[in-house]
N, C-alpha and C. Protein backbone atom coordinates (compact mmCIF):
# COMPACT_ATOMS: atom_id res chain seq x y z
N MET A 1 13.38 15.99 3.50
CA MET A 1 12.64 15.08 4.35
C MET A 1 12.95 15.44 5.80
N ILE A 2 11.96 15.36 6.62
CA ILE A 2 12.14 15.67 8.03
C ILE A 2 12.94 14.56 8.71
N THR A 3 13.82 14.95 9.61
CA THR A 3 14.61 13.96 10.33
C THR A 3 14.02 13.74 11.71
N LEU A 4 14.44 12.65 12.33
CA LEU A 4 13.93 12.32 13.66
C LEU A 4 14.28 13.42 14.65
N SER A 5 15.49 13.93 14.62
CA SER A 5 15.88 14.96 15.58
C SER A 5 15.05 16.23 15.38
N GLN A 6 14.74 16.60 14.12
CA GLN A 6 13.90 17.77 13.88
C GLN A 6 12.50 17.55 14.43
N ARG A 7 11.96 16.37 14.22
CA ARG A 7 10.61 16.06 14.68
C ARG A 7 10.54 16.09 16.21
N LEU A 8 11.52 15.49 16.87
CA LEU A 8 11.54 15.48 18.34
C LEU A 8 11.72 16.89 18.89
N LYS A 9 12.54 17.68 18.24
CA LYS A 9 12.75 19.06 18.67
C LYS A 9 11.45 19.86 18.57
N ARG A 10 10.72 19.68 17.45
CA ARG A 10 9.44 20.36 17.28
C ARG A 10 8.45 19.96 18.37
N LYS A 11 8.43 18.67 18.68
CA LYS A 11 7.51 18.19 19.71
C LYS A 11 7.81 18.83 21.06
N SER A 12 9.09 18.91 21.42
CA SER A 12 9.44 19.48 22.72
C SER A 12 9.16 20.98 22.75
N GLN A 13 9.35 21.66 21.62
CA GLN A 13 9.06 23.10 21.56
C GLN A 13 7.57 23.38 21.66
N ASN A 14 6.78 22.50 21.10
CA ASN A 14 5.33 22.70 21.12
C ASN A 14 4.69 22.20 22.41
N ASP A 15 5.50 21.61 23.28
CA ASP A 15 4.99 21.06 24.53
C ASP A 15 3.77 20.19 24.32
N GLU A 16 3.84 19.32 23.31
CA GLU A 16 2.73 18.43 23.05
C GLU A 16 2.58 17.45 24.21
N PRO A 17 1.37 17.14 24.60
CA PRO A 17 1.18 16.17 25.68
C PRO A 17 1.74 14.81 25.28
N THR A 18 2.31 14.14 26.24
CA THR A 18 2.91 12.83 25.95
C THR A 18 1.98 11.70 26.37
N SER A 19 0.68 11.95 26.31
CA SER A 19 -0.28 10.92 26.72
C SER A 19 -0.25 9.73 25.77
N SER A 20 0.17 9.97 24.55
CA SER A 20 0.21 8.87 23.59
C SER A 20 1.64 8.51 23.26
N ASN A 21 2.25 7.76 24.16
CA ASN A 21 3.62 7.31 23.93
C ASN A 21 3.68 6.42 22.70
N ARG A 22 2.59 5.71 22.43
CA ARG A 22 2.53 4.83 21.26
C ARG A 22 2.71 5.62 19.97
N ALA A 23 2.09 6.81 19.90
CA ALA A 23 2.23 7.64 18.70
C ALA A 23 3.67 8.07 18.50
N SER A 24 4.38 8.39 19.59
CA SER A 24 5.77 8.81 19.42
C SER A 24 6.63 7.64 18.95
N ILE A 25 6.32 6.44 19.40
CA ILE A 25 7.03 5.26 18.90
C ILE A 25 6.75 5.11 17.41
N ARG A 26 5.49 5.25 17.04
CA ARG A 26 5.11 5.18 15.64
C ARG A 26 5.87 6.22 14.82
N ASP A 27 5.92 7.45 15.33
CA ASP A 27 6.60 8.52 14.60
C ASP A 27 8.09 8.23 14.43
N ARG A 28 8.71 7.69 15.45
CA ARG A 28 10.13 7.33 15.34
C ARG A 28 10.33 6.25 14.29
N LEU A 29 9.46 5.26 14.30
CA LEU A 29 9.54 4.20 13.30
C LEU A 29 9.31 4.76 11.89
N LEU A 30 8.35 5.65 11.76
CA LEU A 30 8.01 6.20 10.45
C LEU A 30 9.17 6.99 9.83
N VAL A 31 9.86 7.75 10.64
CA VAL A 31 11.00 8.52 10.12
C VAL A 31 12.04 7.56 9.56
N LYS A 32 12.36 6.55 10.34
CA LYS A 32 13.36 5.57 9.91
C LYS A 32 12.88 4.80 8.67
N GLU A 33 11.64 4.35 8.70
CA GLU A 33 11.12 3.54 7.60
C GLU A 33 10.91 4.36 6.33
N ALA A 34 10.55 5.63 6.46
CA ALA A 34 10.38 6.48 5.27
C ALA A 34 11.71 6.66 4.56
N GLN A 35 12.77 6.85 5.33
CA GLN A 35 14.09 6.99 4.72
C GLN A 35 14.51 5.68 4.06
N GLU A 36 14.29 4.57 4.73
CA GLU A 36 14.61 3.26 4.17
C GLU A 36 13.80 2.99 2.91
N MET A 37 12.52 3.32 2.96
CA MET A 37 11.63 3.08 1.83
C MET A 37 12.08 3.87 0.60
N SER A 38 12.52 5.10 0.80
CA SER A 38 12.93 5.92 -0.34
C SER A 38 14.15 5.32 -1.05
N GLN A 39 14.94 4.55 -0.33
CA GLN A 39 16.13 3.93 -0.92
C GLN A 39 15.82 2.58 -1.56
N LEU A 40 14.76 1.91 -1.11
CA LEU A 40 14.49 0.54 -1.54
C LEU A 40 13.22 0.37 -2.37
N LEU A 41 12.64 1.46 -2.85
CA LEU A 41 11.41 1.36 -3.64
C LEU A 41 11.65 0.61 -4.94
N PRO A 42 10.68 -0.19 -5.36
CA PRO A 42 10.79 -0.76 -6.71
C PRO A 42 10.86 0.38 -7.72
N SER A 43 11.52 0.16 -8.83
CA SER A 43 11.73 1.23 -9.81
C SER A 43 10.43 1.78 -10.39
N CYS A 44 9.36 1.00 -10.37
CA CYS A 44 8.09 1.46 -10.94
C CYS A 44 7.15 2.04 -9.87
N CYS A 45 7.69 2.34 -8.69
CA CYS A 45 6.87 2.89 -7.60
C CYS A 45 7.44 4.22 -7.13
N SER A 46 6.54 5.04 -6.62
CA SER A 46 6.96 6.29 -5.98
C SER A 46 6.02 6.57 -4.81
N VAL A 47 6.51 7.38 -3.89
CA VAL A 47 5.75 7.72 -2.69
C VAL A 47 5.61 9.24 -2.62
N ASN A 48 4.40 9.71 -2.34
CA ASN A 48 4.15 11.14 -2.19
C ASN A 48 3.51 11.40 -0.83
N TYR A 49 4.03 12.40 -0.14
CA TYR A 49 3.46 12.83 1.14
C TYR A 49 2.75 14.15 0.90
N ASP A 50 1.47 14.23 1.28
CA ASP A 50 0.75 15.50 1.17
C ASP A 50 1.33 16.52 2.13
N ASN A 51 1.77 16.03 3.28
CA ASN A 51 2.35 16.90 4.30
C ASN A 51 3.66 16.25 4.74
N GLU A 52 4.77 16.84 4.41
CA GLU A 52 6.06 16.23 4.74
C GLU A 52 6.32 16.12 6.24
N ASN A 53 5.53 16.82 7.04
CA ASN A 53 5.66 16.72 8.49
C ASN A 53 4.78 15.62 9.08
N ASP A 54 3.97 15.00 8.24
CA ASP A 54 3.12 13.91 8.68
C ASP A 54 3.41 12.69 7.82
N LEU A 55 4.25 11.82 8.32
CA LEU A 55 4.66 10.64 7.57
C LEU A 55 3.68 9.49 7.71
N SER A 56 2.60 9.70 8.46
CA SER A 56 1.66 8.61 8.71
C SER A 56 0.64 8.43 7.59
N VAL A 57 0.54 9.38 6.68
CA VAL A 57 -0.38 9.26 5.55
C VAL A 57 0.39 9.60 4.28
N PHE A 58 0.37 8.65 3.35
CA PHE A 58 1.06 8.92 2.09
C PHE A 58 0.39 8.15 0.96
N THR A 59 0.76 8.53 -0.25
CA THR A 59 0.24 7.88 -1.44
C THR A 59 1.36 7.10 -2.11
N LEU A 60 1.09 5.85 -2.40
CA LEU A 60 2.00 5.02 -3.17
C LEU A 60 1.47 4.97 -4.59
N ILE A 61 2.34 5.24 -5.55
CA ILE A 61 1.98 5.17 -6.96
C ILE A 61 2.74 4.01 -7.58
N VAL A 62 1.99 3.09 -8.18
CA VAL A 62 2.57 1.92 -8.83
C VAL A 62 2.28 2.02 -10.32
N LYS A 63 3.35 1.93 -11.12
CA LYS A 63 3.24 1.96 -12.58
C LYS A 63 3.83 0.66 -13.13
N PRO A 64 3.00 -0.40 -13.22
CA PRO A 64 3.51 -1.69 -13.68
C PRO A 64 4.15 -1.61 -15.07
N THR A 65 5.28 -2.30 -15.21
CA THR A 65 5.99 -2.32 -16.49
C THR A 65 5.82 -3.65 -17.22
N GLU A 66 5.00 -4.52 -16.64
CA GLU A 66 4.72 -5.81 -17.27
C GLU A 66 3.37 -6.31 -16.77
N GLY A 67 2.88 -7.34 -17.40
CA GLY A 67 1.64 -7.96 -16.95
C GLY A 67 0.39 -7.28 -17.48
N TYR A 68 -0.75 -7.71 -16.99
CA TYR A 68 -2.05 -7.22 -17.45
C TYR A 68 -2.22 -5.72 -17.27
N TRP A 69 -1.68 -5.16 -16.21
CA TRP A 69 -1.90 -3.76 -15.87
C TRP A 69 -0.79 -2.84 -16.36
N GLU A 70 0.07 -3.35 -17.23
CA GLU A 70 1.18 -2.56 -17.77
C GLU A 70 0.66 -1.26 -18.38
N GLY A 71 1.35 -0.18 -18.08
CA GLY A 71 0.98 1.12 -18.62
C GLY A 71 0.00 1.89 -17.76
N GLY A 72 -0.55 1.26 -16.73
CA GLY A 72 -1.48 1.95 -15.84
C GLY A 72 -0.76 2.67 -14.71
N ILE A 73 -1.45 3.58 -14.10
CA ILE A 73 -0.94 4.31 -12.94
C ILE A 73 -1.94 4.09 -11.82
N PHE A 74 -1.49 3.40 -10.78
CA PHE A 74 -2.39 3.01 -9.70
C PHE A 74 -1.94 3.65 -8.39
N LYS A 75 -2.88 4.33 -7.75
CA LYS A 75 -2.58 5.06 -6.51
C LYS A 75 -3.22 4.36 -5.32
N PHE A 76 -2.42 4.24 -4.26
CA PHE A 76 -2.88 3.64 -3.01
C PHE A 76 -2.66 4.63 -1.89
N GLU A 77 -3.69 4.85 -1.08
CA GLU A 77 -3.54 5.67 0.12
C GLU A 77 -3.15 4.74 1.25
N ILE A 78 -2.08 5.09 1.93
CA ILE A 78 -1.60 4.28 3.05
C ILE A 78 -1.65 5.15 4.30
N ASN A 79 -2.40 4.66 5.29
CA ASN A 79 -2.60 5.39 6.53
C ASN A 79 -2.03 4.54 7.67
N VAL A 80 -1.02 5.06 8.32
CA VAL A 80 -0.37 4.36 9.42
C VAL A 80 -0.98 4.86 10.72
N THR A 81 -1.71 3.99 11.40
CA THR A 81 -2.42 4.38 12.61
C THR A 81 -1.47 4.49 13.80
N ASP A 82 -1.97 5.04 14.90
CA ASP A 82 -1.16 5.20 16.12
C ASP A 82 -0.68 3.86 16.66
N GLU A 83 -1.39 2.79 16.36
CA GLU A 83 -1.04 1.47 16.88
C GLU A 83 0.07 0.78 16.09
N TYR A 84 0.55 1.41 15.04
CA TYR A 84 1.63 0.85 14.24
C TYR A 84 2.85 0.67 15.13
N ASN A 85 3.53 -0.32 15.13
CA ASN A 85 3.71 -1.43 14.26
C ASN A 85 3.06 -2.71 14.79
N MET A 86 2.20 -2.54 15.77
CA MET A 86 1.46 -3.69 16.28
C MET A 86 0.30 -4.06 15.35
N VAL A 87 -0.18 -3.10 14.58
CA VAL A 87 -1.23 -3.36 13.60
C VAL A 87 -0.74 -2.86 12.24
N PRO A 88 -1.24 -3.46 11.17
CA PRO A 88 -0.79 -3.04 9.84
C PRO A 88 -1.36 -1.68 9.46
N PRO A 89 -0.74 -1.02 8.50
CA PRO A 89 -1.34 0.22 8.00
C PRO A 89 -2.64 -0.09 7.26
N VAL A 90 -3.47 0.92 7.12
CA VAL A 90 -4.73 0.80 6.39
C VAL A 90 -4.44 1.23 4.95
N VAL A 91 -4.77 0.36 4.01
CA VAL A 91 -4.47 0.62 2.60
C VAL A 91 -5.75 0.63 1.80
N LYS A 92 -5.88 1.63 0.94
CA LYS A 92 -7.02 1.72 0.04
C LYS A 92 -6.51 2.08 -1.35
N CYS A 93 -7.01 1.38 -2.35
CA CYS A 93 -6.65 1.70 -3.73
C CYS A 93 -7.56 2.84 -4.19
N LEU A 94 -6.95 3.92 -4.65
CA LEU A 94 -7.71 5.10 -5.07
C LEU A 94 -8.05 5.05 -6.56
N THR A 95 -7.46 4.12 -7.28
CA THR A 95 -7.69 3.98 -8.71
C THR A 95 -8.64 2.81 -8.96
N LYS A 96 -9.69 3.07 -9.71
CA LYS A 96 -10.62 2.00 -10.03
C LYS A 96 -9.94 1.05 -11.01
N LEU A 97 -9.97 -0.25 -10.70
CA LEU A 97 -9.34 -1.23 -11.57
C LEU A 97 -10.05 -2.56 -11.50
N TRP A 98 -9.75 -3.41 -12.47
CA TRP A 98 -10.32 -4.75 -12.54
C TRP A 98 -9.22 -5.70 -12.12
N HIS A 99 -9.38 -6.27 -10.91
CA HIS A 99 -8.31 -7.06 -10.31
C HIS A 99 -8.93 -8.07 -9.36
N PRO A 100 -8.44 -9.31 -9.31
CA PRO A 100 -9.04 -10.29 -8.41
C PRO A 100 -8.81 -10.00 -6.92
N ASN A 101 -7.77 -9.23 -6.61
CA ASN A 101 -7.43 -8.99 -5.20
C ASN A 101 -7.69 -7.55 -4.75
N ILE A 102 -8.32 -6.75 -5.62
CA ILE A 102 -8.65 -5.37 -5.29
C ILE A 102 -10.05 -5.11 -5.82
N THR A 103 -10.94 -4.64 -4.95
CA THR A 103 -12.30 -4.37 -5.40
C THR A 103 -12.35 -3.04 -6.15
N GLU A 104 -13.42 -2.83 -6.87
CA GLU A 104 -13.60 -1.57 -7.57
C GLU A 104 -13.73 -0.41 -6.58
N ALA A 105 -14.13 -0.70 -5.35
CA ALA A 105 -14.26 0.32 -4.31
C ALA A 105 -12.92 0.61 -3.63
N GLY A 106 -11.89 -0.18 -3.94
CA GLY A 106 -10.56 0.10 -3.40
C GLY A 106 -10.08 -0.77 -2.27
N GLU A 107 -10.88 -1.74 -1.85
CA GLU A 107 -10.43 -2.66 -0.80
C GLU A 107 -9.33 -3.55 -1.37
N VAL A 108 -8.33 -3.82 -0.54
CA VAL A 108 -7.17 -4.59 -0.99
C VAL A 108 -7.06 -5.88 -0.18
N CYS A 109 -6.89 -7.00 -0.88
CA CYS A 109 -6.68 -8.28 -0.23
C CYS A 109 -5.21 -8.65 -0.39
N LEU A 110 -4.48 -8.51 0.69
CA LEU A 110 -3.05 -8.85 0.71
C LEU A 110 -2.78 -9.42 2.09
N SER A 111 -2.29 -10.65 2.15
CA SER A 111 -2.12 -11.35 3.42
C SER A 111 -1.41 -10.51 4.47
N LEU A 112 -0.35 -9.83 4.09
CA LEU A 112 0.42 -9.12 5.11
C LEU A 112 -0.31 -7.92 5.70
N LEU A 113 -1.45 -7.54 5.11
CA LEU A 113 -2.25 -6.46 5.68
C LEU A 113 -3.29 -6.97 6.67
N ARG A 114 -3.32 -8.26 6.88
CA ARG A 114 -4.27 -8.85 7.84
C ARG A 114 -3.57 -9.06 9.18
N ARG A 115 -4.25 -8.74 10.23
CA ARG A 115 -3.67 -8.97 11.56
C ARG A 115 -3.51 -10.45 11.83
N HIS A 116 -4.48 -11.23 11.38
CA HIS A 116 -4.42 -12.67 11.56
C HIS A 116 -4.79 -13.29 10.23
N SER A 117 -3.86 -14.01 9.64
CA SER A 117 -4.16 -14.62 8.36
C SER A 117 -4.03 -16.13 8.47
N VAL A 118 -4.82 -16.80 7.69
CA VAL A 118 -4.85 -18.26 7.69
C VAL A 118 -3.50 -18.83 7.23
N ASP A 119 -2.87 -18.16 6.27
CA ASP A 119 -1.63 -18.69 5.70
C ASP A 119 -0.39 -18.37 6.54
N GLY A 120 -0.57 -17.66 7.66
CA GLY A 120 0.58 -17.35 8.51
C GLY A 120 1.44 -16.22 7.97
N MET A 121 1.01 -15.58 6.90
CA MET A 121 1.79 -14.52 6.28
C MET A 121 1.26 -13.14 6.66
N GLY A 122 0.44 -13.07 7.68
CA GLY A 122 -0.19 -11.82 8.08
C GLY A 122 0.79 -10.86 8.74
N TRP A 123 0.24 -9.78 9.22
CA TRP A 123 1.03 -8.72 9.83
C TRP A 123 1.67 -9.19 11.12
N SER A 124 2.87 -8.75 11.36
CA SER A 124 3.54 -8.95 12.64
C SER A 124 4.42 -7.73 12.87
N PRO A 125 4.80 -7.47 14.11
CA PRO A 125 5.59 -6.27 14.41
C PRO A 125 6.95 -6.21 13.70
N ILE A 126 7.40 -7.32 13.14
CA ILE A 126 8.68 -7.27 12.43
C ILE A 126 8.51 -6.80 10.98
N ARG A 127 7.28 -6.68 10.51
CA ARG A 127 7.02 -6.18 9.15
C ARG A 127 7.28 -4.68 9.11
N ARG A 128 7.53 -4.20 7.89
CA ARG A 128 7.82 -2.79 7.70
C ARG A 128 6.98 -2.25 6.54
N LEU A 129 6.97 -0.94 6.42
CA LEU A 129 6.24 -0.31 5.32
C LEU A 129 6.79 -0.77 3.97
N ASN A 130 8.07 -1.03 3.93
CA ASN A 130 8.68 -1.52 2.70
C ASN A 130 8.04 -2.84 2.27
N ASP A 131 7.68 -3.69 3.22
CA ASP A 131 7.00 -4.95 2.91
C ASP A 131 5.64 -4.67 2.26
N VAL A 132 4.95 -3.66 2.77
CA VAL A 132 3.64 -3.29 2.23
C VAL A 132 3.81 -2.80 0.79
N VAL A 133 4.78 -1.92 0.57
CA VAL A 133 5.02 -1.39 -0.77
C VAL A 133 5.33 -2.51 -1.76
N TRP A 134 6.25 -3.39 -1.39
CA TRP A 134 6.62 -4.49 -2.28
C TRP A 134 5.45 -5.46 -2.47
N GLY A 135 4.62 -5.65 -1.44
CA GLY A 135 3.45 -6.51 -1.57
C GLY A 135 2.43 -5.93 -2.54
N LEU A 136 2.19 -4.62 -2.45
CA LEU A 136 1.25 -3.98 -3.37
C LEU A 136 1.80 -4.02 -4.79
N HIS A 137 3.08 -3.79 -4.93
CA HIS A 137 3.72 -3.88 -6.25
C HIS A 137 3.54 -5.29 -6.82
N ALA A 138 3.72 -6.29 -5.99
CA ALA A 138 3.63 -7.69 -6.44
C ALA A 138 2.22 -8.09 -6.85
N LEU A 139 1.20 -7.37 -6.37
CA LEU A 139 -0.17 -7.68 -6.79
C LEU A 139 -0.36 -7.47 -8.29
N PHE A 140 0.54 -6.74 -8.90
CA PHE A 140 0.45 -6.51 -10.34
C PHE A 140 1.34 -7.45 -11.14
N THR A 141 2.08 -8.29 -10.44
CA THR A 141 2.98 -9.21 -11.14
C THR A 141 2.78 -10.64 -10.67
N ASP A 142 3.47 -11.03 -9.62
CA ASP A 142 3.49 -12.44 -9.24
C ASP A 142 2.65 -12.82 -8.02
N LEU A 143 1.97 -11.89 -7.39
CA LEU A 143 1.18 -12.22 -6.21
C LEU A 143 -0.32 -12.30 -6.49
N LEU A 144 -0.69 -12.37 -7.75
CA LEU A 144 -2.10 -12.49 -8.07
C LEU A 144 -2.66 -13.76 -7.45
N ASN A 145 -3.80 -13.64 -6.80
CA ASN A 145 -4.40 -14.81 -6.18
C ASN A 145 -5.82 -14.98 -6.71
N PHE A 146 -5.97 -15.92 -7.62
CA PHE A 146 -7.28 -16.18 -8.20
C PHE A 146 -8.05 -17.22 -7.39
N ASP A 147 -7.38 -17.88 -6.44
CA ASP A 147 -8.01 -18.92 -5.64
C ASP A 147 -8.75 -18.37 -4.42
N ASP A 148 -8.31 -17.24 -3.90
CA ASP A 148 -8.96 -16.61 -2.74
C ASP A 148 -9.17 -15.13 -3.06
N PRO A 149 -10.04 -14.84 -4.06
CA PRO A 149 -10.17 -13.46 -4.52
C PRO A 149 -11.06 -12.60 -3.65
N LEU A 150 -10.82 -11.32 -3.70
CA LEU A 150 -11.70 -10.34 -3.08
C LEU A 150 -12.76 -9.92 -4.11
N ASN A 151 -12.34 -9.80 -5.36
CA ASN A 151 -13.25 -9.52 -6.46
C ASN A 151 -13.52 -10.85 -7.17
N VAL A 152 -14.53 -11.55 -6.71
CA VAL A 152 -14.85 -12.89 -7.21
C VAL A 152 -15.18 -12.86 -8.70
N GLU A 153 -15.88 -11.83 -9.13
CA GLU A 153 -16.26 -11.73 -10.54
C GLU A 153 -15.02 -11.65 -11.44
N ALA A 154 -14.02 -10.89 -11.04
CA ALA A 154 -12.79 -10.79 -11.83
C ALA A 154 -12.08 -12.15 -11.88
N ALA A 155 -12.02 -12.84 -10.76
CA ALA A 155 -11.36 -14.15 -10.72
C ALA A 155 -12.10 -15.16 -11.59
N GLU A 156 -13.43 -15.15 -11.53
CA GLU A 156 -14.22 -16.06 -12.36
C GLU A 156 -14.02 -15.77 -13.84
N MET A 157 -13.98 -14.50 -14.18
CA MET A 157 -13.76 -14.13 -15.57
C MET A 157 -12.41 -14.64 -16.05
N TYR A 158 -11.39 -14.52 -15.21
CA TYR A 158 -10.06 -15.01 -15.56
C TYR A 158 -10.08 -16.53 -15.78
N ARG A 159 -10.76 -17.24 -14.89
CA ARG A 159 -10.83 -18.70 -15.01
C ARG A 159 -11.53 -19.16 -16.29
N HIS A 160 -12.57 -18.42 -16.67
CA HIS A 160 -13.37 -18.83 -17.82
C HIS A 160 -12.86 -18.27 -19.15
N SER A 161 -12.27 -17.09 -19.14
CA SER A 161 -11.77 -16.50 -20.38
C SER A 161 -10.68 -15.49 -20.08
N LYS A 162 -9.46 -15.93 -20.19
CA LYS A 162 -8.33 -15.04 -19.94
C LYS A 162 -8.33 -13.87 -20.92
N GLU A 163 -8.79 -14.10 -22.13
CA GLU A 163 -8.84 -13.04 -23.14
C GLU A 163 -9.86 -11.97 -22.74
N GLU A 164 -11.04 -12.39 -22.29
CA GLU A 164 -12.06 -11.44 -21.84
C GLU A 164 -11.55 -10.66 -20.62
N PHE A 165 -10.88 -11.36 -19.70
CA PHE A 165 -10.29 -10.72 -18.53
C PHE A 165 -9.30 -9.65 -18.96
N LYS A 166 -8.42 -10.00 -19.88
CA LYS A 166 -7.39 -9.06 -20.36
C LYS A 166 -8.03 -7.83 -21.00
N ILE A 167 -9.07 -8.03 -21.79
CA ILE A 167 -9.75 -6.91 -22.44
C ILE A 167 -10.37 -5.97 -21.39
N LYS A 168 -11.01 -6.57 -20.38
CA LYS A 168 -11.64 -5.74 -19.34
C LYS A 168 -10.59 -4.97 -18.54
N VAL A 169 -9.47 -5.62 -18.23
CA VAL A 169 -8.38 -4.93 -17.52
C VAL A 169 -7.89 -3.76 -18.35
N MET A 170 -7.69 -3.98 -19.65
CA MET A 170 -7.19 -2.91 -20.53
C MET A 170 -8.18 -1.76 -20.62
N GLU A 171 -9.48 -2.07 -20.62
CA GLU A 171 -10.50 -1.01 -20.63
C GLU A 171 -10.41 -0.16 -19.36
N TYR A 172 -10.27 -0.83 -18.21
CA TYR A 172 -10.17 -0.10 -16.95
C TYR A 172 -8.89 0.74 -16.91
N VAL A 173 -7.79 0.17 -17.38
CA VAL A 173 -6.53 0.92 -17.41
C VAL A 173 -6.70 2.18 -18.27
N ALA A 174 -7.31 2.02 -19.45
CA ALA A 174 -7.49 3.16 -20.36
C ALA A 174 -8.40 4.23 -19.78
N HIS A 175 -9.44 3.82 -19.05
CA HIS A 175 -10.41 4.79 -18.52
C HIS A 175 -10.05 5.37 -17.16
N PHE A 176 -9.41 4.58 -16.30
CA PHE A 176 -9.23 5.01 -14.91
C PHE A 176 -7.78 5.13 -14.44
N ALA A 177 -6.84 4.54 -15.17
CA ALA A 177 -5.48 4.47 -14.64
C ALA A 177 -4.47 5.25 -15.49
N GLN A 178 -4.91 6.37 -16.00
CA GLN A 178 -4.01 7.25 -16.76
C GLN A 178 -3.92 8.59 -16.05
N GLU A 179 -2.86 9.31 -16.30
CA GLU A 179 -2.72 10.63 -15.65
C GLU A 179 -3.59 11.66 -16.28
């Protein structure tokens, strides 16, 4: 893994323009948070970087060991913008699934990913990437929200027939969430 001193040394050698001081703050935070995240990941999660020199884009893989989505492999692309940590990272689910808080197109409804949330649990500069990882992990266990769903059809199905909901989730896991 790249260290902060290596990254700063590369920047000074490349004489990169310092017009975006915000990006360098983001990069410093990312180095620290990536190291922290690797130590504190839930056991059923892993993080992959396509480019180890760019910590701002990575894939989170969640493999639930309990609940409706048990046995599935769900991938999330996490993009940390230059405005981080003043704004939350952009998260998209790359795996098609049947979930009340994730659309089939990959949009994710998680309070801490909102800049301003009604429940007061939205993004703030004290949040970290680890919070995002644990929040996404919890969407498969105890953070399911059927009262304020993003996928209304999935939530309605759950309310009317938990068995039908479970069958549809299992079909999606079998078709879309396997390696």
